Protein backbone atom coordinates (compact mmCIF):
# COMPACT_ATOMS: atom_id res chain seq x y z
CA UNK A 1 104.09 123.45 120.29
CA UNK A 2 106.76 123.89 122.93
CA UNK A 3 108.62 121.00 124.50
CA UNK A 4 109.70 121.07 128.13
CA UNK A 5 108.46 122.06 131.55
CA UNK A 6 106.41 125.23 131.66
CA UNK A 7 105.40 125.65 135.29
CA UNK A 8 106.83 124.83 138.72
CA UNK A 9 105.15 121.41 139.04
CA UNK A 10 106.35 120.31 135.61
CA UNK A 11 109.89 121.40 136.47
CA UNK A 12 109.79 119.38 139.69
CA UNK A 13 108.52 116.30 137.82
CA UNK A 14 111.26 116.63 135.21
CA UNK A 15 113.87 116.95 137.96
CA UNK A 16 112.48 113.92 139.82
CA UNK A 17 112.28 111.61 136.81
CA UNK A 18 115.32 112.84 134.87
CA UNK A 19 117.50 109.91 135.90
CA UNK A 20 114.80 107.22 135.94
CA UNK A 21 115.02 104.46 133.39
CA UNK A 22 111.56 103.23 132.46
CA UNK A 23 112.26 101.01 129.46
CA UNK A 24 115.44 99.05 129.05
CA UNK A 25 115.30 97.74 125.50
CA UNK A 26 118.82 96.36 125.65
CA UNK A 27 117.82 93.77 128.24
CA UNK A 28 114.69 92.60 126.40
CA UNK A 29 114.58 89.82 123.84
CA UNK A 30 112.07 90.19 121.07
CA UNK A 31 109.98 87.20 120.07
CA UNK A 32 109.76 88.58 116.52
CA UNK A 33 112.74 88.95 114.23
CA UNK A 34 112.92 92.69 113.43
CA UNK A 35 114.16 92.07 109.89
CA UNK A 36 111.19 89.80 109.11
CA UNK A 37 108.82 92.34 110.61
CA UNK A 38 110.24 95.12 108.45
CA UNK A 39 109.98 92.89 105.37
CA UNK A 40 106.33 92.14 106.17
CA UNK A 41 105.59 95.83 106.66
CA UNK A 42 107.30 96.60 103.35
CA UNK A 43 105.21 93.92 101.61
CA UNK A 44 101.98 95.36 103.01
CA UNK A 45 102.98 98.88 101.95
CA UNK A 46 103.81 97.66 98.45
CA UNK A 47 100.47 95.88 98.14
CA UNK A 48 98.58 98.97 99.34
CA UNK A 49 100.48 101.16 96.88
CA UNK A 50 99.68 98.80 94.01
CA UNK A 51 96.02 98.62 94.99
CA UNK A 52 95.83 102.41 95.08
CA UNK A 53 97.42 102.67 91.64
CA UNK A 54 94.98 100.10 90.25
CA UNK A 55 92.10 101.99 91.81
CA UNK A 56 93.26 105.21 90.17
CA UNK A 57 93.54 103.49 86.77
CA UNK A 58 90.07 101.98 87.21
CA UNK A 59 88.63 105.40 88.07
CA UNK A 60 90.22 106.88 84.95
CA UNK A 61 88.86 104.12 82.73
CA UNK A 62 85.36 104.34 84.25
CA UNK A 63 85.38 108.10 83.79
CA UNK A 64 86.35 107.71 80.12
CA UNK A 65 83.66 105.06 79.51
CA UNK A 66 80.99 107.18 81.18
CA UNK A 67 82.06 110.25 79.21
CA UNK A 68 81.86 108.35 75.90
CA UNK A 69 78.43 106.91 76.64
CA UNK A 70 76.93 110.13 77.95
CA UNK A 71 74.07 111.55 75.93
CA UNK A 72 73.80 115.32 76.08
CA UNK A 73 70.57 117.15 75.39
CA UNK A 74 70.64 119.91 72.86
CA UNK A 75 69.68 123.44 73.73
CA UNK A 76 66.33 123.10 71.97
CA UNK A 77 65.43 119.89 73.79
CA UNK A 78 66.28 121.37 77.16
CA UNK A 79 64.02 124.40 76.59
CA UNK A 80 61.04 122.55 75.21
């Protein structure tokens, strides 16, 4: 996927808005402490990772239990 103006109209728009400043993050004050937000995001990611690992372990255990309790029919029983 190419980045940049491809046709005449796009080139004119790029030229017109090249020096415009639409978002000035330096002048804004955040109501949320960024460090606390990153810590919260890290906590959520850790919890999701742990839940996924537990889910994988549970799947493995359930598979093993089902495999042990499975009753297979013999060839003679399946034919007759």
